[in-house]
Amino acid sequence: MEVARAAGHDDKAALKLGNAANRAKARELQDHYYEHVSPACGLTRTGPKRERLSRQQW
């Protein structure tokens, strides 16, 4: 956010850019963890996700 503000963006735009940077960094951290730790432990990158059922199936 500080970099965006210094570049002349208003607070709303700076917040949006800061959030995007945080998401990108978190994704990078998770990818790094997956590449270095998960294969040895037998973990997958994404979990089984929620099973989707119709009302009748429930």
PDB file of N, CA and C in Angstrom:
ATOM      1  N   MET A   1       0.819  -1.191   0.000  1.00  0.00           N
ATOM      2  CA  MET A   1       0.000   0.000   0.000  1.00  0.00           C
ATOM      3  C   MET A   1       0.861   1.252   0.000  1.00  0.00           C
ATOM      4  N   GLU A   2       1.927   1.203   0.755  1.00  0.00           N
ATOM      5  CA  GLU A   2       2.791   2.393   0.844  1.00  0.00           C
ATOM      6  C   GLU A   2       3.380   2.747  -0.520  1.00  0.00           C
ATOM      7  N   VAL A   3       3.751   1.736  -1.288  1.00  0.00           N
ATOM      8  CA  VAL A   3       4.320   1.978  -2.618  1.00  0.00           C
ATOM      9  C   VAL A   3       3.261   2.595  -3.525  1.00  0.00           C
ATOM     10  N   ALA A   4       2.028   2.098  -3.430  1.00  0.00           N
ATOM     11  CA  ALA A   4       0.948   2.631  -4.257  1.00  0.00           C
ATOM     12  C   ALA A   4       0.625   4.068  -3.871  1.00  0.00           C
ATOM     13  N   ARG A   5       0.615   4.347  -2.581  1.00  0.00           N
ATOM     14  CA  ARG A   5       0.362   5.736  -2.142  1.00  0.00           C
ATOM     15  C   ARG A   5       1.467   6.666  -2.610  1.00  0.00           C
ATOM     16  N   ALA A   6       2.716   6.191  -2.525  1.00  0.00           N
ATOM     17  CA  ALA A   6       3.841   7.012  -2.964  1.00  0.00           C
ATOM     18  C   ALA A   6       3.781   7.264  -4.472  1.00  0.00           C
ATOM     19  N   ALA A   7       3.156   6.324  -5.201  1.00  0.00           N
ATOM     20  CA  ALA A   7       3.026   6.482  -6.646  1.00  0.00           C
ATOM     21  C   ALA A   7       1.867   7.406  -7.014  1.00  0.00           C
ATOM     22  N   GLY A   8       1.119   7.885  -6.006  1.00  0.00           N
ATOM     23  CA  GLY A   8       0.065   8.851  -6.268  1.00  0.00           C
ATOM     24  C   GLY A   8      -1.339   8.282  -6.321  1.00  0.00           C
ATOM     25  N   HIS A   9      -1.520   7.022  -5.941  1.00  0.00           N
ATOM     26  CA  HIS A   9      -2.861   6.426  -5.933  1.00  0.00           C
ATOM     27  C   HIS A   9      -3.626   6.882  -4.693  1.00  0.00           C
ATOM     28  N   ASP A  10      -4.945   6.951  -4.822  1.00  0.00           N
ATOM     29  CA  ASP A  10      -5.755   7.296  -3.662  1.00  0.00           C
ATOM     30  C   ASP A  10      -5.848   6.081  -2.726  1.00  0.00           C
ATOM     31  N   ASP A  11      -6.450   6.263  -1.552  1.00  0.00           N
ATOM     32  CA  ASP A  11      -6.489   5.210  -0.540  1.00  0.00           C
ATOM     33  C   ASP A  11      -7.194   3.951  -1.023  1.00  0.00           C
ATOM     34  N   LYS A  12      -8.299   4.107  -1.739  1.00  0.00           N
ATOM     35  CA  LYS A  12      -9.062   2.943  -2.210  1.00  0.00           C
ATOM     36  C   LYS A  12      -8.238   2.129  -3.204  1.00  0.00           C
ATOM     37  N   ALA A  13      -7.602   2.787  -4.140  1.00  0.00           N
ATOM     38  CA  ALA A  13      -6.775   2.092  -5.130  1.00  0.00           C
ATOM     39  C   ALA A  13      -5.550   1.468  -4.472  1.00  0.00           C
ATOM     40  N   ALA A  14      -4.969   2.180  -3.498  1.00  0.00           N
ATOM     41  CA  ALA A  14      -3.798   1.655  -2.797  1.00  0.00           C
ATOM     42  C   ALA A  14      -4.170   0.402  -2.013  1.00  0.00           C
ATOM     43  N   LEU A  15      -5.337   0.406  -1.385  1.00  0.00           N
ATOM     44  CA  LEU A  15      -5.794  -0.763  -0.639  1.00  0.00           C
ATOM     45  C   LEU A  15      -6.004  -1.943  -1.581  1.00  0.00           C
ATOM     46  N   LYS A  16      -6.606  -1.691  -2.729  1.00  0.00           N
ATOM     47  CA  LYS A  16      -6.842  -2.748  -3.713  1.00  0.00           C
ATOM     48  C   LYS A  16      -5.519  -3.342  -4.196  1.00  0.00           C
ATOM     49  N   LEU A  17      -4.552  -2.505  -4.472  1.00  0.00           N
ATOM     50  CA  LEU A  17      -3.245  -2.983  -4.912  1.00  0.00           C
ATOM     51  C   LEU A  17      -2.518  -3.733  -3.795  1.00  0.00           C
ATOM     52  N   GLY A  18      -2.663  -3.248  -2.565  1.00  0.00           N
ATOM     53  CA  GLY A  18      -2.044  -3.919  -1.429  1.00  0.00           C
ATOM     54  C   GLY A  18      -2.634  -5.294  -1.190  1.00  0.00           C
ATOM     55  N   ASN A  19      -3.958  -5.405  -1.309  1.00  0.00           N
ATOM     56  CA  ASN A  19      -4.610  -6.701  -1.144  1.00  0.00           C
ATOM     57  C   ASN A  19      -4.171  -7.678  -2.231  1.00  0.00           C
ATOM     58  N   ALA A  20      -4.056  -7.206  -3.447  1.00  0.00           N
ATOM     59  CA  ALA A  20      -3.616  -8.062  -4.548  1.00  0.00           C
ATOM     60  C   ALA A  20      -2.188  -8.554  -4.303  1.00  0.00           C
ATOM     61  N   ALA A  21      -1.341  -7.681  -3.787  1.00  0.00           N
ATOM     62  CA  ALA A  21       0.036  -8.075  -3.481  1.00  0.00           C
ATOM     63  C   ALA A  21       0.072  -9.112  -2.357  1.00  0.00           C
ATOM     64  N   ASN A  22      -0.781  -8.938  -1.344  1.00  0.00           N
ATOM     65  CA  ASN A  22      -0.838  -9.920  -0.250  1.00  0.00           C
ATOM     66  C   ASN A  22      -1.298 -11.283  -0.753  1.00  0.00           C
ATOM     67  N   ARG A  23      -2.324 -11.303  -1.604  1.00  0.00           N
ATOM     68  CA  ARG A  23      -2.814 -12.581  -2.151  1.00  0.00           C
ATOM     69  C   ARG A  23      -1.731 -13.264  -2.981  1.00  0.00           C
ATOM     70  N   ALA A  24      -1.016 -12.490  -3.777  1.00  0.00           N
ATOM     71  CA  ALA A  24       0.040 -13.059  -4.612  1.00  0.00           C
ATOM     72  C   ALA A  24       1.158 -13.645  -3.750  1.00  0.00           C
ATOM     73  N   LYS A  25       1.523 -12.944  -2.689  1.00  0.00           N
ATOM     74  CA  LYS A  25       2.590 -13.433  -1.807  1.00  0.00           C
ATOM     75  C   LYS A  25       2.150 -14.686  -1.053  1.00  0.00           C
ATOM     76  N   ALA A  26       0.884 -14.728  -0.609  1.00  0.00           N
ATOM     77  CA  ALA A  26       0.360 -15.905   0.083  1.00  0.00           C
ATOM     78  C   ALA A  26       0.340 -17.101  -0.862  1.00  0.00           C
ATOM     79  N   ARG A  27      -0.065 -16.881  -2.109  1.00  0.00           N
ATOM     80  CA  ARG A  27      -0.086 -17.961  -3.101  1.00  0.00           C
ATOM     81  C   ARG A  27       1.330 -18.474  -3.344  1.00  0.00           C
ATOM     82  N   GLU A  28       2.287 -17.563  -3.418  1.00  0.00           N
ATOM     83  CA  GLU A  28       3.683 -17.930  -3.623  1.00  0.00           C
ATOM     84  C   GLU A  28       4.195 -18.776  -2.446  1.00  0.00           C
ATOM     85  N   LEU A  29       3.837 -18.388  -1.226  1.00  0.00           N
ATOM     86  CA  LEU A  29       4.243 -19.134  -0.038  1.00  0.00           C
ATOM     87  C   LEU A  29       3.644 -20.545  -0.054  1.00  0.00           C
ATOM     88  N   GLN A  30       2.364 -20.659  -0.404  1.00  0.00           N
ATOM     89  CA  GLN A  30       1.710 -21.958  -0.446  1.00  0.00           C
ATOM     90  C   GLN A  30       2.305 -22.842  -1.541  1.00  0.00           C
ATOM     91  N   ASP A  31       2.625 -22.259  -2.689  1.00  0.00           N
ATOM     92  CA  ASP A  31       3.253 -23.024  -3.765  1.00  0.00           C
ATOM     93  C   ASP A  31       4.621 -23.532  -3.334  1.00  0.00           C
ATOM     94  N   HIS A  32       5.398 -22.690  -2.679  1.00  0.00           N
ATOM     95  CA  HIS A  32       6.722 -23.073  -2.202  1.00  0.00           C
ATOM     96  C   HIS A  32       6.618 -24.208  -1.186  1.00  0.00           C
ATOM     97  N   TYR A  33       5.688 -24.110  -0.266  1.00  0.00           N
ATOM     98  CA  TYR A  33       5.472 -25.153   0.735  1.00  0.00           C
ATOM     99  C   TYR A  33       5.099 -26.463   0.053  1.00  0.00           C
ATOM    100  N   TYR A  34       4.181 -26.386  -0.919  1.00  0.00           N
ATOM    101  CA  TYR A  34       3.747 -27.590  -1.617  1.00  0.00           C
ATOM    102  C   TYR A  34       4.920 -28.251  -2.331  1.00  0.00           C
ATOM    103  N   GLU A  35       5.732 -27.472  -3.004  1.00  0.00           N
ATOM    104  CA  GLU A  35       6.859 -28.025  -3.765  1.00  0.00           C
ATOM    105  C   GLU A  35       7.896 -28.685  -2.875  1.00  0.00           C
ATOM    106  N   HIS A  36       8.116 -28.156  -1.668  1.00  0.00           N
ATOM    107  CA  HIS A  36       9.202 -28.646  -0.830  1.00  0.00           C
ATOM    108  C   HIS A  36       8.781 -29.599   0.282  1.00  0.00           C
ATOM    109  N   VAL A  37       7.546 -29.548   0.722  1.00  0.00           N
ATOM    110  CA  VAL A  37       7.123 -30.355   1.870  1.00  0.00           C
ATOM    111  C   VAL A  37       6.070 -31.396   1.511  1.00  0.00           C
ATOM    112  N   SER A  38       5.084 -31.017   0.765  1.00  0.00           N
ATOM    113  CA  SER A  38       3.925 -31.865   0.530  1.00  0.00           C
ATOM    114  C   SER A  38       4.212 -33.204  -0.149  1.00  0.00           C
ATOM    115  N   PRO A  39       5.047 -33.259  -1.192  1.00  0.00           N
ATOM    116  CA  PRO A  39       5.267 -34.559  -1.836  1.00  0.00           C
ATOM    117  C   PRO A  39       5.814 -35.615  -0.865  1.00  0.00           C
ATOM    118  N   ALA A  40       6.690 -35.219   0.027  1.00  0.00           N
ATOM    119  CA  ALA A  40       7.260 -36.169   0.984  1.00  0.00           C
ATOM    120  C   ALA A  40       6.204 -36.664   1.974  1.00  0.00           C
ATOM    121  N   CYS A  41       5.193 -35.852   2.215  1.00  0.00           N
ATOM    122  CA  CYS A  41       4.132 -36.208   3.172  1.00  0.00           C
ATOM    123  C   CYS A  41       2.898 -36.775   2.486  1.00  0.00           C
ATOM    124  N   GLY A  42       2.882 -36.812   1.172  1.00  0.00           N
ATOM    125  CA  GLY A  42       1.736 -37.329   0.437  1.00  0.00           C
ATOM    126  C   GLY A  42       0.546 -36.384   0.405  1.00  0.00           C
ATOM    127  N   LEU A  43       0.797 -35.078   0.501  1.00  0.00           N
ATOM    128  CA  LEU A  43      -0.275 -34.094   0.483  1.00  0.00           C
ATOM    129  C   LEU A  43      -0.510 -33.581  -0.930  1.00  0.00           C
ATOM    130  N   THR A  44      -1.738 -33.173  -1.214  1.00  0.00           N
ATOM    131  CA  THR A  44      -2.056 -32.584  -2.504  1.00  0.00           C
ATOM    132  C   THR A  44      -2.147 -31.065  -2.356  1.00  0.00           C
ATOM    133  N   ARG A  45      -2.094 -30.361  -3.473  1.00  0.00           N
ATOM    134  CA  ARG A  45      -2.116 -28.889  -3.439  1.00  0.00           C
ATOM    135  C   ARG A  45      -3.474 -28.370  -2.991  1.00  0.00           C
ATOM    136  N   THR A  46      -4.547 -28.990  -3.464  1.00  0.00           N
ATOM    137  CA  THR A  46      -5.885 -28.597  -3.022  1.00  0.00           C
ATOM    138  C   THR A  46      -6.540 -29.810  -2.388  1.00  0.00           C
ATOM    139  N   GLY A  47      -7.374 -29.564  -1.424  1.00  0.00           N
ATOM    140  CA  GLY A  47      -8.046 -30.644  -0.720  1.00  0.00           C
ATOM    141  C   GLY A  47      -9.167 -31.256  -1.544  1.00  0.00           C
ATOM    142  N   PRO A  48      -9.954 -32.117  -0.928  1.00  0.00           N
ATOM    143  CA  PRO A  48     -11.009 -32.808  -1.661  1.00  0.00           C
ATOM    144  C   PRO A  48     -12.183 -31.918  -2.044  1.00  0.00           C
ATOM    145  N   LYS A  49     -12.193 -30.713  -1.555  1.00  0.00           N
ATOM    146  CA  LYS A  49     -13.274 -29.755  -1.817  1.00  0.00           C
ATOM    147  C   LYS A  49     -14.594 -30.274  -1.253  1.00  0.00           C
ATOM    148  N   ARG A  50     -15.570 -29.433  -1.222  1.00  0.00           N
ATOM    149  CA  ARG A  50     -16.871 -29.806  -0.694  1.00  0.00           C
ATOM    150  C   ARG A  50     -17.653 -30.554  -1.766  1.00  0.00           C
ATOM    151  N   GLU A  51     -18.261 -31.639  -1.374  1.00  0.00           N
ATOM    152  CA  GLU A  51     -19.057 -32.409  -2.317  1.00  0.00           C
ATOM    153  C   GLU A  51     -20.370 -31.678  -2.564  1.00  0.00           C
ATOM    154  N   ARG A  52     -20.739 -31.558  -3.815  1.00  0.00           N
ATOM    155  CA  ARG A  52     -21.955 -30.844  -4.177  1.00  0.00           C
ATOM    156  C   ARG A  52     -23.078 -31.842  -4.452  1.00  0.00           C
ATOM    157  N   LEU A  53     -24.162 -31.736  -3.698  1.00  0.00           N
ATOM    158  CA  LEU A  53     -25.297 -32.614  -3.851  1.00  0.00           C
ATOM    159  C   LEU A  53     -26.570 -31.799  -4.070  1.00  0.00           C
ATOM    160  N   SER A  54     -27.498 -32.361  -4.829  1.00  0.00           N
ATOM    161  CA  SER A  54     -28.795 -31.702  -5.016  1.00  0.00           C
ATOM    162  C   SER A  54     -29.619 -31.874  -3.741  1.00  0.00           C
ATOM    163  N   ARG A  55     -30.722 -31.178  -3.649  1.00  0.00           N
ATOM    164  CA  ARG A  55     -31.590 -31.321  -2.477  1.00  0.00           C
ATOM    165  C   ARG A  55     -32.104 -32.750  -2.322  1.00  0.00           C
ATOM    166  N   GLN A  56     -32.440 -33.374  -3.435  1.00  0.00           N
ATOM    167  CA  GLN A  56     -32.937 -34.749  -3.384  1.00  0.00           C
ATOM    168  C   GLN A  56     -31.864 -35.717  -2.903  1.00  0.00           C
ATOM    169  N   GLN A  57     -30.630 -35.508  -3.311  1.00  0.00           N
ATOM    170  CA  GLN A  57     -29.552 -36.384  -2.870  1.00  0.00           C
ATOM    171  C   GLN A  57     -29.261 -36.218  -1.380  1.00  0.00           C
ATOM    172  N   TRP A  58     -29.451 -35.007  -0.846  1.00  0.00           N
ATOM    173  CA  TRP A  58     -29.243 -34.808   0.583  1.00  0.00           C
ATOM    174  C   TRP A  58     -30.323 -35.556   1.330  1.00  0.00           C
TER     175      TRP A  58
END
